[in-house]
Amino acid sequence: MRCTVVGAGAWGTALANLLAENGHDTVLWAYETDVSDSVNTASENRRFLAGVSLHGGLRATSAIDRACADAEMVVFAAPSHVLRRVAADAARHVPAAVPLVVATKGIERDRLALMTDVVEQEIPDRPAVALSGPSFAMEVANHLPTAVVAASRDQASALLVQQAFSTSAFRVYTQRDVIGVELGGALKNVMAVATGIADGLQLGFNARAALITRGLAEMTRLGVRLGADPATFAGLAGVGDLVLTCTGSLSRNRSVGLEIGRGATLHEVLHGRETVAEGVATTESAKALAAREGVDMPIVNAVHRVLFERQPARWALVELMTRDLKGEAE
C-alpha cells in the first residue's frame, strides 16, 4: 500500500520505518523541516530518533498535501495537544474511504475526547483504528519483540492494519473495544508519573506495585463507566502498557515523575524538553473526565495536586495511604 504517517516524533518515525521495511510505499510527514531533511538525506531522524538507521525507501516531507496524496492508509502519530489541528490540516488531502490509524495516546484537554474521536470529527466518513500497547519507539525501531493492539469498530480495517504492520518482531492483535484500548493507552501515562514520583521519593518496590495495581483499578473503573469492556484492561493496551510505562527506563512519563519526586518543579522538568510526556496533559484531562462521570480516581487526583496545585509529593502519597479504609473491590 501507499502509507502516510503524520507526525515524525520517535513513535511516528518508528511506525513509518516499520511500514517501509514491510514493503509499503511510505511517506512521513514532519512539522519540522530539519527532520524531513534528515530523513531524506541521511536516512535518520537525528532530532527524535537519533542513532537509528531508517529504511532507504522511507521518504519524508513537511508538506501535508504531498504527504497524504493518493494514500491508502493514513497513520496519525502527532502529540495529543496538536492532533486536532493536524488532522484538520490533513482533512481535505486524505482520500475518501481510507482507514485512519490513530497511534496518539491521550485525552483532549478541552473537549475530553479520545484521540480516535478527534480524528473522526475532523476527517469524517473514514474508518478509524486505534493502535496501542506496550511499545517504546526505540525498541520497535531496533526490532525488539513487541506486541500491540489494533482496535476498531470496523473489523475489516482492524485486519488491514494488522496485516500492514505485523512482522516477526512486531505482533498486532485485533480488538473491537476502542474505548478501552484508548483509555488504557492514555491513563497509563498518569500512573507512570505517579510511580515515577514514588520512585523519586525512594518509597520502594512495594509502593510501586501498589500504585500500578490500584492505578489499573482506577483505569478500569473509568473505562467501564464510559462503556469499555473491563477485560480490555487486563490486556496489552491495559496492564501491558501500564507495566511498561511505569517501570521502563525509557518511559518519558516515569522520568518526569522521578525528577519531581527528587524535588524538581514541573516547570524545571519540562523546561527545554523537546519530547512530549503525555501524562502531564492527560492528568488534567483525566481529572476532568472522572469528575464529569462521577468516578473516584484518587491517584489521578494526587498526581494533579502535585503537578498543578504545588502539593509536596510526599504529602500526596501520605494522603493516598490514609484515605478511608474500604474493600479492594469497592
C-alpha atoms as a PDB file:
ATOM      1  CA  MET A   1       0.000   0.000   0.000  1.00  0.00           C
ATOM      2  CA  ARG A   2       0.880   3.652  -0.142  1.00  0.00           C
ATOM      3  CA  CYS A   3       1.008   4.703   3.513  1.00  0.00           C
ATOM      4  CA  THR A   4       1.297   8.099   5.163  1.00  0.00           C
ATOM      5  CA  VAL A   5       2.442   8.670   8.731  1.00  0.00           C
ATOM      6  CA  VAL A   6       1.538  12.097  10.085  1.00  0.00           C
ATOM      7  CA  GLY A   7       3.884  13.048  12.912  1.00  0.00           C
ATOM      8  CA  ALA A   8       7.635  12.469  12.910  1.00  0.00           C
ATOM      9  CA  GLY A   9       8.433  12.145  16.566  1.00  0.00           C
ATOM     10  CA  ALA A  10      10.120   8.979  17.761  1.00  0.00           C
ATOM     11  CA  TRP A  11       6.919   6.914  17.639  1.00  0.00           C
ATOM     12  CA  GLY A  12       5.743   8.147  14.247  1.00  0.00           C
ATOM     13  CA  THR A  13       9.195   7.602  12.777  1.00  0.00           C
ATOM     14  CA  ALA A  14       9.414   4.072  14.174  1.00  0.00           C
ATOM     15  CA  LEU A  15       5.996   3.206  12.716  1.00  0.00           C
ATOM     16  CA  ALA A  16       6.845   4.728   9.336  1.00  0.00           C
ATOM     17  CA  ASN A  17      10.086   2.797   9.240  1.00  0.00           C
ATOM     18  CA  LEU A  18       8.239  -0.402  10.104  1.00  0.00           C
ATOM     19  CA  LEU A  19       5.816   0.113   7.226  1.00  0.00           C
ATOM     20  CA  ALA A  20       8.654   0.867   4.803  1.00  0.00           C
ATOM     21  CA  GLU A  21      10.508  -2.263   5.892  1.00  0.00           C
ATOM     22  CA  ASN A  22       7.308  -4.226   5.238  1.00  0.00           C
ATOM     23  CA  GLY A  23       7.438  -3.136   1.613  1.00  0.00           C
ATOM     24  CA  HIS A  24       4.874  -0.331   1.753  1.00  0.00           C
ATOM     25  CA  ASP A  25       5.459   2.917  -0.142  1.00  0.00           C
ATOM     26  CA  THR A  26       5.646   5.133   2.934  1.00  0.00           C
ATOM     27  CA  VAL A  27       5.793   8.903   3.395  1.00  0.00           C
ATOM     28  CA  LEU A  28       6.469  10.520   6.766  1.00  0.00           C
ATOM     29  CA  TRP A  29       5.078  13.999   7.406  1.00  0.00           C
ATOM     30  CA  ALA A  30       7.232  16.121   9.723  1.00  0.00           C
ATOM     31  CA  TYR A  31       6.285  19.516  11.113  1.00  0.00           C
ATOM     32  CA  GLU A  32       9.983  20.366  11.409  1.00  0.00           C
ATOM     33  CA  THR A  33      11.777  20.790   8.072  1.00  0.00           C
ATOM     34  CA  ASP A  34      15.096  19.735   9.597  1.00  0.00           C
ATOM     35  CA  VAL A  35      13.530  16.373  10.440  1.00  0.00           C
ATOM     36  CA  SER A  36      12.279  15.752   6.905  1.00  0.00           C
ATOM     37  CA  ASP A  37      15.664  16.858   5.531  1.00  0.00           C
ATOM     38  CA  SER A  38      17.475  14.497   7.910  1.00  0.00           C
ATOM     39  CA  VAL A  39      15.283  11.535   6.927  1.00  0.00           C
ATOM     40  CA  ASN A  40      15.707  12.210   3.207  1.00  0.00           C
ATOM     41  CA  THR A  41      19.429  12.947   3.173  1.00  0.00           C
ATOM     42  CA  ALA A  42      20.774  10.742   5.968  1.00  0.00           C
ATOM     43  CA  SER A  43      18.062   8.073   6.481  1.00  0.00           C
ATOM     44  CA  GLU A  44      17.954   9.111  10.126  1.00  0.00           C
ATOM     45  CA  ASN A  45      15.700  11.241  12.314  1.00  0.00           C
ATOM     46  CA  ARG A  46      18.537  12.931  14.149  1.00  0.00           C
ATOM     47  CA  ARG A  47      16.198  15.064  16.220  1.00  0.00           C
ATOM     48  CA  PHE A  48      13.792  12.484  17.653  1.00  0.00           C
ATOM     49  CA  LEU A  49      15.217   9.014  16.943  1.00  0.00           C
ATOM     50  CA  ALA A  50      18.937   9.559  16.745  1.00  0.00           C
ATOM     51  CA  GLY A  51      21.179   6.602  16.038  1.00  0.00           C
ATOM     52  CA  VAL A  52      18.586   4.523  14.193  1.00  0.00           C
ATOM     53  CA  SER A  53      19.274   3.813  10.542  1.00  0.00           C
ATOM     54  CA  LEU A  54      15.994   4.138   8.664  1.00  0.00           C
ATOM     55  CA  HIS A  55      14.869   2.171   5.623  1.00  0.00           C
ATOM     56  CA  GLY A  56      16.233   3.665   2.434  1.00  0.00           C
ATOM     57  CA  GLY A  57      12.801   3.739   0.833  1.00  0.00           C
ATOM     58  CA  LEU A  58      11.242   5.892   3.551  1.00  0.00           C
ATOM     59  CA  ARG A  59      10.595   9.437   2.340  1.00  0.00           C
ATOM     60  CA  ALA A  60       9.708  12.499   4.382  1.00  0.00           C
ATOM     61  CA  THR A  61       8.063  15.835   3.660  1.00  0.00           C
ATOM     62  CA  SER A  62       6.819  18.869   5.544  1.00  0.00           C
ATOM     63  CA  ALA A  63       4.005  19.446   3.039  1.00  0.00           C
ATOM     64  CA  ILE A  64       0.821  17.809   4.315  1.00  0.00           C
ATOM     65  CA  ASP A  65      -0.831  17.779   0.867  1.00  0.00           C
ATOM     66  CA  ARG A  66       2.028  15.848  -0.701  1.00  0.00           C
ATOM     67  CA  ALA A  67       2.225  13.509   2.279  1.00  0.00           C
ATOM     68  CA  CYS A  68      -1.440  12.488   2.025  1.00  0.00           C
ATOM     69  CA  ALA A  69      -1.842  12.437  -1.751  1.00  0.00           C
ATOM     70  CA  ASP A  70      -3.008   9.019  -3.012  1.00  0.00           C
ATOM     71  CA  ALA A  71      -2.586   7.436   0.442  1.00  0.00           C
ATOM     72  CA  GLU A  72      -4.314   4.106   1.047  1.00  0.00           C
ATOM     73  CA  MET A  73      -3.768   4.289   4.815  1.00  0.00           C
ATOM     74  CA  VAL A  74      -3.025   7.325   6.980  1.00  0.00           C
ATOM     75  CA  VAL A  75      -1.425   6.944  10.415  1.00  0.00           C
ATOM     76  CA  PHE A  76      -1.658   9.803  12.915  1.00  0.00           C
ATOM     77  CA  ALA A  77       1.128   9.966  15.494  1.00  0.00           C
ATOM     78  CA  ALA A  78       1.159  13.680  16.359  1.00  0.00           C
ATOM     79  CA  PRO A  79       1.118  14.703  20.049  1.00  0.00           C
ATOM     80  CA  SER A  80      -2.351  14.794  21.578  1.00  0.00           C
ATOM     81  CA  HIS A  81      -2.419  18.565  22.143  1.00  0.00           C
ATOM     82  CA  VAL A  82      -1.952  19.291  18.416  1.00  0.00           C
ATOM     83  CA  LEU A  83      -3.738  16.285  16.927  1.00  0.00           C
ATOM     84  CA  ARG A  84      -6.998  18.109  16.146  1.00  0.00           C
ATOM     85  CA  ARG A  85      -5.188  20.914  14.332  1.00  0.00           C
ATOM     86  CA  VAL A  86      -3.008  18.495  12.394  1.00  0.00           C
ATOM     87  CA  ALA A  87      -5.984  16.319  11.441  1.00  0.00           C
ATOM     88  CA  ALA A  88      -7.923  19.401  10.310  1.00  0.00           C
ATOM     89  CA  ASP A  89      -4.991  20.469   8.115  1.00  0.00           C
ATOM     90  CA  ALA A  90      -4.804  16.991   6.598  1.00  0.00           C
ATOM     91  CA  ALA A  91      -8.550  16.535   6.136  1.00  0.00           C
ATOM     92  CA  ARG A  92      -9.013  17.879   2.627  1.00  0.00           C
ATOM     93  CA  HIS A  93      -5.989  15.945   1.371  1.00  0.00           C
ATOM     94  CA  VAL A  94      -6.929  12.499   2.731  1.00  0.00           C
ATOM     95  CA  PRO A  95      -8.555  10.336   0.034  1.00  0.00           C
ATOM     96  CA  ALA A  96     -12.064   9.033   0.603  1.00  0.00           C
ATOM     97  CA  ALA A  97     -12.675   5.765   2.471  1.00  0.00           C
ATOM     98  CA  VAL A  98      -9.051   5.152   3.545  1.00  0.00           C
ATOM     99  CA  PRO A  99      -8.562   3.807   7.076  1.00  0.00           C
ATOM    100  CA  LEU A 100      -7.224   6.270   9.635  1.00  0.00           C
ATOM    101  CA  VAL A 101      -4.861   4.716  12.165  1.00  0.00           C
ATOM    102  CA  VAL A 102      -4.561   6.692  15.395  1.00  0.00           C
ATOM    103  CA  ALA A 103      -1.321   5.975  17.249  1.00  0.00           C
ATOM    104  CA  THR A 104      -1.550   9.044  19.506  1.00  0.00           C
ATOM    105  CA  LYS A 105      -2.331   8.367  23.182  1.00  0.00           C
ATOM    106  CA  GLY A 106      -4.214  10.900  25.237  1.00  0.00           C
ATOM    107  CA  ILE A 107      -7.474  12.638  26.128  1.00  0.00           C
ATOM    108  CA  GLU A 108      -8.185  16.034  24.604  1.00  0.00           C
ATOM    109  CA  ARG A 109      -7.980  18.675  27.297  1.00  0.00           C
ATOM    110  CA  ASP A 110     -10.900  20.933  26.350  1.00  0.00           C
ATOM    111  CA  ARG A 111     -13.441  18.525  24.856  1.00  0.00           C
ATOM    112  CA  LEU A 112     -12.299  15.423  26.781  1.00  0.00           C
ATOM    113  CA  ALA A 113     -12.418  13.462  23.522  1.00  0.00           C
ATOM    114  CA  LEU A 114     -10.457  10.299  22.827  1.00  0.00           C
ATOM    115  CA  MET A 115      -7.950  10.504  20.006  1.00  0.00           C
ATOM    116  CA  THR A 116      -9.955   8.444  17.509  1.00  0.00           C
ATOM    117  CA  ASP A 117     -12.917  10.742  18.181  1.00  0.00           C
ATOM    118  CA  VAL A 118     -10.747  13.768  17.409  1.00  0.00           C
ATOM    119  CA  VAL A 119      -9.619  12.335  14.078  1.00  0.00           C
ATOM    120  CA  GLU A 120     -13.096  11.094  13.133  1.00  0.00           C
ATOM    121  CA  GLN A 121     -14.586  14.503  13.866  1.00  0.00           C
ATOM    122  CA  GLU A 122     -12.050  16.280  11.665  1.00  0.00           C
ATOM    123  CA  ILE A 123     -11.933  13.641   8.904  1.00  0.00           C
ATOM    124  CA  PRO A 124     -15.377  12.017   8.842  1.00  0.00           C
ATOM    125  CA  ASP A 125     -16.610   9.036   6.859  1.00  0.00           C
ATOM    126  CA  ARG A 126     -13.410   7.015   7.162  1.00  0.00           C
ATOM    127  CA  PRO A 127     -12.928   4.012   9.453  1.00  0.00           C
ATOM    128  CA  ALA A 128     -10.685   4.735  12.447  1.00  0.00           C
ATOM    129  CA  VAL A 129      -8.339   2.243  14.109  1.00  0.00           C
ATOM    130  CA  ALA A 130      -6.647   2.831  17.475  1.00  0.00           C
ATOM    131  CA  LEU A 131      -3.129   1.385  17.618  1.00  0.00           C
ATOM    132  CA  SER A 132      -1.895   0.978  21.184  1.00  0.00           C
ATOM    133  CA  GLY A 133       0.054  -1.265  23.513  1.00  0.00           C
ATOM    134  CA  PRO A 134       3.406  -1.582  25.316  1.00  0.00           C
ATOM    135  CA  SER A 135       5.801  -0.202  22.730  1.00  0.00           C
ATOM    136  CA  PHE A 136       8.806   2.046  23.269  1.00  0.00           C
ATOM    137  CA  ALA A 137       9.697   3.607  19.908  1.00  0.00           C
ATOM    138  CA  MET A 138      13.411   2.897  20.236  1.00  0.00           C
ATOM    139  CA  GLU A 139      12.832  -0.801  20.845  1.00  0.00           C
ATOM    140  CA  VAL A 140      10.432  -1.054  17.887  1.00  0.00           C
ATOM    141  CA  ALA A 141      12.960   0.714  15.677  1.00  0.00           C
ATOM    142  CA  ASN A 142      15.637  -1.737  16.812  1.00  0.00           C
ATOM    143  CA  HIS A 143      13.397  -4.729  16.002  1.00  0.00           C
ATOM    144  CA  LEU A 144      12.987  -5.940  19.573  1.00  0.00           C
ATOM    145  CA  PRO A 145       9.903  -8.142  20.105  1.00  0.00           C
ATOM    146  CA  THR A 146       6.755  -6.056  20.602  1.00  0.00           C
ATOM    147  CA  ALA A 147       3.023  -6.801  20.716  1.00  0.00           C
ATOM    148  CA  VAL A 148       0.268  -4.209  20.299  1.00  0.00           C
ATOM    149  CA  VAL A 149      -3.471  -3.973  19.585  1.00  0.00           C
ATOM    150  CA  ALA A 150      -5.365  -2.546  16.601  1.00  0.00           C
ATOM    151  CA  ALA A 151      -8.876  -1.677  17.781  1.00  0.00           C
ATOM    152  CA  SER A 152     -11.745  -0.641  15.551  1.00  0.00           C
ATOM    153  CA  ARG A 153     -15.481  -0.945  15.249  1.00  0.00           C
ATOM    154  CA  ASP A 154     -14.778  -1.770  11.597  1.00  0.00           C
ATOM    155  CA  GLN A 155     -13.273  -5.255  11.689  1.00  0.00           C
ATOM    156  CA  ALA A 156     -12.022  -5.130   8.099  1.00  0.00           C
ATOM    157  CA  SER A 157      -9.966  -2.036   8.873  1.00  0.00           C
ATOM    158  CA  ALA A 158      -8.503  -3.612  12.010  1.00  0.00           C
ATOM    159  CA  LEU A 159      -7.471  -6.647   9.976  1.00  0.00           C
ATOM    160  CA  LEU A 160      -5.922  -4.409   7.301  1.00  0.00           C
ATOM    161  CA  VAL A 161      -3.834  -2.619   9.923  1.00  0.00           C
ATOM    162  CA  GLN A 162      -2.846  -5.941  11.473  1.00  0.00           C
ATOM    163  CA  GLN A 163      -1.548  -7.191   8.129  1.00  0.00           C
ATOM    164  CA  ALA A 164       0.185  -3.922   7.224  1.00  0.00           C
ATOM    165  CA  PHE A 165       2.221  -3.639  10.428  1.00  0.00           C
ATOM    166  CA  SER A 166       2.884  -7.215  11.527  1.00  0.00           C
ATOM    167  CA  THR A 167       6.395  -8.633  11.300  1.00  0.00           C
ATOM    168  CA  SER A 168       8.331 -11.373  13.064  1.00  0.00           C
ATOM    169  CA  ALA A 169       9.239  -8.779  15.726  1.00  0.00           C
ATOM    170  CA  PHE A 170       6.048  -6.680  15.780  1.00  0.00           C
ATOM    171  CA  ARG A 171       2.885  -8.647  16.510  1.00  0.00           C
ATOM    172  CA  VAL A 172      -0.503  -6.960  16.130  1.00  0.00           C
ATOM    173  CA  TYR A 173      -3.709  -8.295  17.690  1.00  0.00           C
ATOM    174  CA  THR A 174      -7.166  -7.025  16.706  1.00  0.00           C
ATOM    175  CA  GLN A 175      -9.769  -5.689  19.108  1.00  0.00           C
ATOM    176  CA  ARG A 176     -13.250  -4.169  18.953  1.00  0.00           C
ATOM    177  CA  ASP A 177     -13.147  -2.223  22.230  1.00  0.00           C
ATOM    178  CA  VAL A 178     -11.869   1.134  21.000  1.00  0.00           C
ATOM    179  CA  ILE A 179     -12.804   2.972  24.208  1.00  0.00           C
ATOM    180  CA  GLY A 180     -10.944   0.531  26.446  1.00  0.00           C
ATOM    181  CA  VAL A 181      -7.855   0.444  24.258  1.00  0.00           C
ATOM    182  CA  GLU A 182      -7.691   4.230  24.031  1.00  0.00           C
ATOM    183  CA  LEU A 183      -8.297   4.842  27.738  1.00  0.00           C
ATOM    184  CA  GLY A 184      -5.665   2.272  28.653  1.00  0.00           C
ATOM    185  CA  GLY A 185      -3.110   3.984  26.448  1.00  0.00           C
ATOM    186  CA  ALA A 186      -3.930   7.426  27.817  1.00  0.00           C
ATOM    187  CA  LEU A 187      -4.384   6.813  31.551  1.00  0.00           C
ATOM    188  CA  LYS A 188      -1.318   4.629  31.991  1.00  0.00           C
ATOM    189  CA  ASN A 189       0.788   7.749  31.395  1.00  0.00           C
ATOM    190  CA  VAL A 190      -0.690   9.384  34.501  1.00  0.00           C
ATOM    191  CA  MET A 191       0.042   6.253  36.530  1.00  0.00           C
ATOM    192  CA  ALA A 192       3.611   6.295  35.205  1.00  0.00           C
ATOM    193  CA  VAL A 193       4.062   9.831  36.526  1.00  0.00           C
ATOM    194  CA  ALA A 194       2.746   8.612  39.898  1.00  0.00           C
ATOM    195  CA  THR A 195       5.123   5.656  40.066  1.00  0.00           C
ATOM    196  CA  GLY A 196       7.998   7.875  38.981  1.00  0.00           C
ATOM    197  CA  ILE A 197       7.222  10.227  41.862  1.00  0.00           C
ATOM    198  CA  ALA A 198       7.199   7.293  44.293  1.00  0.00           C
ATOM    199  CA  ASP A 199      10.500   6.047  42.908  1.00  0.00           C
ATOM    200  CA  GLY A 200      11.977   9.553  43.195  1.00  0.00           C
ATOM    201  CA  LEU A 201      10.920   9.600  46.838  1.00  0.00           C
ATOM    202  CA  GLN A 202      12.586   6.176  47.257  1.00  0.00           C
ATOM    203  CA  LEU A 203       9.409   4.633  48.627  1.00  0.00           C
ATOM    204  CA  GLY A 204      10.368   1.150  47.499  1.00  0.00           C
ATOM    205  CA  PHE A 205       9.077  -1.633  45.298  1.00  0.00           C
ATOM    206  CA  ASN A 206       6.031  -2.288  47.483  1.00  0.00           C
ATOM    207  CA  ALA A 207       4.767   1.226  46.822  1.00  0.00           C
ATOM    208  CA  ARG A 208       5.418   0.884  43.100  1.00  0.00           C
ATOM    209  CA  ALA A 209       3.462  -2.371  42.921  1.00  0.00           C
ATOM    210  CA  ALA A 210       0.587  -0.860  44.889  1.00  0.00           C
ATOM    211  CA  LEU A 211       0.399   2.191  42.624  1.00  0.00           C
ATOM    212  CA  ILE A 212       0.411   0.086  39.459  1.00  0.00           C
ATOM    213  CA  THR A 213      -2.287  -2.242  40.784  1.00  0.00           C
ATOM    214  CA  ARG A 214      -4.557   0.443  42.183  1.00  0.00           C
ATOM    215  CA  GLY A 215      -3.898   2.541  39.095  1.00  0.00           C
ATOM    216  CA  LEU A 216      -5.221  -0.301  36.967  1.00  0.00           C
ATOM    217  CA  ALA A 217      -8.339  -0.380  39.158  1.00  0.00           C
ATOM    218  CA  GLU A 218      -8.896   3.347  38.535  1.00  0.00           C
ATOM    219  CA  MET A 219      -8.399   2.963  34.794  1.00  0.00           C
ATOM    220  CA  THR A 220     -10.858   0.087  34.650  1.00  0.00           C
ATOM    221  CA  ARG A 221     -13.425   1.927  36.748  1.00  0.00           C
ATOM    222  CA  LEU A 222     -13.485   4.924  34.420  1.00  0.00           C
ATOM    223  CA  GLY A 223     -13.405   2.714  31.347  1.00  0.00           C
ATOM    224  CA  VAL A 224     -16.425   0.683  32.430  1.00  0.00           C
ATOM    225  CA  ARG A 225     -18.359   3.885  33.156  1.00  0.00           C
ATOM    226  CA  LEU A 226     -17.652   5.032  29.574  1.00  0.00           C
ATOM    227  CA  GLY A 227     -18.695   1.709  28.052  1.00  0.00           C
ATOM    228  CA  ALA A 228     -15.401  -0.196  27.801  1.00  0.00           C
ATOM    229  CA  ASP A 229     -15.041  -3.932  28.349  1.00  0.00           C
ATOM    230  CA  PRO A 230     -13.230  -4.473  31.686  1.00  0.00           C
ATOM    231  CA  ALA A 231     -11.325  -7.389  30.144  1.00  0.00           C
ATOM    232  CA  THR A 232      -9.530  -4.950  27.838  1.00  0.00           C
ATOM    233  CA  PHE A 233      -7.654  -3.537  30.814  1.00  0.00           C
ATOM    234  CA  ALA A 234      -6.179  -6.968  31.504  1.00  0.00           C
ATOM    235  CA  GLY A 235      -4.699  -6.998  28.004  1.00  0.00           C
ATOM    236  CA  LEU A 236      -1.855  -5.369  26.096  1.00  0.00           C
ATOM    237  CA  ALA A 237      -3.396  -1.899  25.939  1.00  0.00           C
ATOM    238  CA  GLY A 238      -4.197  -2.026  29.648  1.00  0.00           C
ATOM    239  CA  VAL A 239      -1.922  -3.794  32.101  1.00  0.00           C
ATOM    240  CA  GLY A 240       0.708  -4.437  29.396  1.00  0.00           C
ATOM    241  CA  ASP A 241       1.231  -0.777  28.567  1.00  0.00           C
ATOM    242  CA  LEU A 242       0.795   0.201  32.219  1.00  0.00           C
ATOM    243  CA  VAL A 243       3.590  -2.048  33.466  1.00  0.00           C
ATOM    244  CA  LEU A 244       5.945  -0.982  30.686  1.00  0.00           C
ATOM    245  CA  THR A 245       5.410   2.736  31.177  1.00  0.00           C
ATOM    246  CA  CYS A 246       5.537   2.588  34.974  1.00  0.00           C
ATOM    247  CA  THR A 247       8.739   0.538  35.160  1.00  0.00           C
ATOM    248  CA  GLY A 248      10.711   1.015  31.925  1.00  0.00           C
ATOM    249  CA  SER A 249      13.777   3.238  31.943  1.00  0.00           C
ATOM    250  CA  LEU A 250      12.790   4.622  28.510  1.00  0.00           C
ATOM    251  CA  SER A 251       9.475   5.976  29.829  1.00  0.00           C
ATOM    252  CA  ARG A 252       9.285   9.761  29.477  1.00  0.00           C
ATOM    253  CA  ASN A 253       6.316   9.927  31.848  1.00  0.00           C
ATOM    254  CA  ARG A 254       8.047   7.928  34.556  1.00  0.00           C
ATOM    255  CA  SER A 255      11.133  10.157  34.195  1.00  0.00           C
ATOM    256  CA  VAL A 256       9.026  13.284  34.721  1.00  0.00           C
ATOM    257  CA  GLY A 257       7.649  11.817  37.940  1.00  0.00           C
ATOM    258  CA  LEU A 258      11.094  10.667  39.008  1.00  0.00           C
ATOM    259  CA  GLU A 259      12.523  14.183  38.804  1.00  0.00           C
ATOM    260  CA  ILE A 260       9.544  15.678  40.630  1.00  0.00           C
ATOM    261  CA  GLY A 261       9.878  13.062  43.364  1.00  0.00           C
ATOM    262  CA  ARG A 262      13.503  14.135  43.726  1.00  0.00           C
ATOM    263  CA  GLY A 263      12.437  17.736  44.307  1.00  0.00           C
ATOM    264  CA  ALA A 264      12.204  19.441  40.909  1.00  0.00           C
ATOM    265  CA  THR A 265       9.215  21.575  39.940  1.00  0.00           C
ATOM    266  CA  LEU A 266       7.111  20.772  36.893  1.00  0.00           C
ATOM    267  CA  HIS A 267       8.440  23.876  35.157  1.00  0.00           C
ATOM    268  CA  GLU A 268      12.017  22.797  35.809  1.00  0.00           C
ATOM    269  CA  VAL A 269      11.320  19.290  34.496  1.00  0.00           C
ATOM    270  CA  LEU A 270       9.604  20.421  31.305  1.00  0.00           C
ATOM    271  CA  HIS A 271      11.853  23.386  30.518  1.00  0.00           C
ATOM    272  CA  GLY A 272      13.937  22.665  27.452  1.00  0.00           C
ATOM    273  CA  ARG A 273      12.359  19.249  26.806  1.00  0.00           C
ATOM    274  CA  GLU A 274      11.657  18.684  23.137  1.00  0.00           C
ATOM    275  CA  THR A 275       9.887  15.356  23.555  1.00  0.00           C
ATOM    276  CA  VAL A 276       6.357  15.227  24.948  1.00  0.00           C
ATOM    277  CA  ALA A 277       5.410  13.477  28.187  1.00  0.00           C
ATOM    278  CA  GLU A 278       1.709  12.912  27.515  1.00  0.00           C
ATOM    279  CA  GLY A 279       0.964  12.085  31.142  1.00  0.00           C
ATOM    280  CA  VAL A 280       1.235  15.735  32.220  1.00  0.00           C
ATOM    281  CA  ALA A 281      -1.568  16.979  29.973  1.00  0.00           C
ATOM    282  CA  THR A 282      -3.555  13.766  30.445  1.00  0.00           C
ATOM    283  CA  THR A 283      -3.568  14.301  34.213  1.00  0.00           C
ATOM    284  CA  GLU A 284      -5.717  17.403  33.732  1.00  0.00           C
ATOM    285  CA  SER A 285      -7.962  15.700  31.174  1.00  0.00           C
ATOM    286  CA  ALA A 286      -8.371  12.543  33.252  1.00  0.00           C
ATOM    287  CA  LYS A 287      -9.278  14.513  36.375  1.00  0.00           C
ATOM    288  CA  ALA A 288     -11.907  16.475  34.462  1.00  0.00           C
ATOM    289  CA  LEU A 289     -13.288  13.369  32.754  1.00  0.00           C
ATOM    290  CA  ALA A 290     -13.525  11.479  36.050  1.00  0.00           C
ATOM    291  CA  ALA A 291     -15.314  14.438  37.648  1.00  0.00           C
ATOM    292  CA  ARG A 292     -17.746  14.628  34.740  1.00  0.00           C
ATOM    293  CA  GLU A 293     -18.532  10.915  35.029  1.00  0.00           C
ATOM    294  CA  GLY A 294     -18.616  10.815  38.836  1.00  0.00           C
ATOM    295  CA  VAL A 295     -15.771   8.276  39.056  1.00  0.00           C
ATOM    296  CA  ASP A 296     -13.370   8.238  42.013  1.00  0.00           C
ATOM    297  CA  MET A 297      -9.724   8.355  40.827  1.00  0.00           C
ATOM    298  CA  PRO A 298      -7.568   9.131  43.880  1.00  0.00           C
ATOM    299  CA  ILE A 299      -4.215   8.507  42.163  1.00  0.00           C
ATOM    300  CA  VAL A 300      -5.107  10.832  39.297  1.00  0.00           C
ATOM    301  CA  ASN A 301      -6.204  13.452  41.829  1.00  0.00           C
ATOM    302  CA  ALA A 302      -2.973  13.056  43.812  1.00  0.00           C
ATOM    303  CA  VAL A 303      -0.827  13.496  40.702  1.00  0.00           C
ATOM    304  CA  HIS A 304      -2.857  16.576  39.773  1.00  0.00           C
ATOM    305  CA  ARG A 305      -2.241  18.116  43.200  1.00  0.00           C
ATOM    306  CA  VAL A 306       1.486  17.565  42.878  1.00  0.00           C
ATOM    307  CA  LEU A 307       1.811  18.786  39.279  1.00  0.00           C
ATOM    308  CA  PHE A 308      -0.605  21.702  39.277  1.00  0.00           C
ATOM    309  CA  GLU A 309      -1.522  22.579  42.873  1.00  0.00           C
ATOM    310  CA  ARG A 310       2.005  22.596  44.321  1.00  0.00           C
ATOM    311  CA  GLN A 311       1.316  19.952  46.922  1.00  0.00           C
ATOM    312  CA  PRO A 312       4.553  18.342  48.152  1.00  0.00           C
ATOM    313  CA  ALA A 313       4.891  14.916  46.582  1.00  0.00           C
ATOM    314  CA  ARG A 314       5.399  13.108  49.875  1.00  0.00           C
ATOM    315  CA  TRP A 315       2.200  14.572  51.325  1.00  0.00           C
ATOM    316  CA  ALA A 316       0.233  13.416  48.294  1.00  0.00           C
ATOM    317  CA  LEU A 317       1.410   9.857  48.886  1.00  0.00           C
ATOM    318  CA  VAL A 318       0.601  10.115  52.605  1.00  0.00           C
ATOM    319  CA  GLU A 319      -2.939  11.195  51.746  1.00  0.00           C
ATOM    320  CA  LEU A 320      -3.343   8.211  49.444  1.00  0.00           C
ATOM    321  CA  MET A 321      -2.260   5.855  52.220  1.00  0.00           C
ATOM    322  CA  THR A 322      -4.531   7.416  54.854  1.00  0.00           C
ATOM    323  CA  ARG A 323      -7.794   7.521  52.901  1.00  0.00           C
ATOM    324  CA  ASP A 324     -10.839   5.844  54.463  1.00  0.00           C
ATOM    325  CA  LEU A 325     -10.384   2.083  54.596  1.00  0.00           C
ATOM    326  CA  LYS A 326     -12.513   0.016  52.211  1.00  0.00           C
ATOM    327  CA  GLY A 327     -12.767  -3.305  50.435  1.00  0.00           C
ATOM    328  CA  GLU A 328     -10.466  -3.877  47.482  1.00  0.00           C
ATOM    329  CA  ALA A 329     -13.348  -4.382  45.054  1.00  0.00           C
ATOM    330  CA  GLU A 330     -15.188  -1.191  46.095  1.00  0.00           C
END
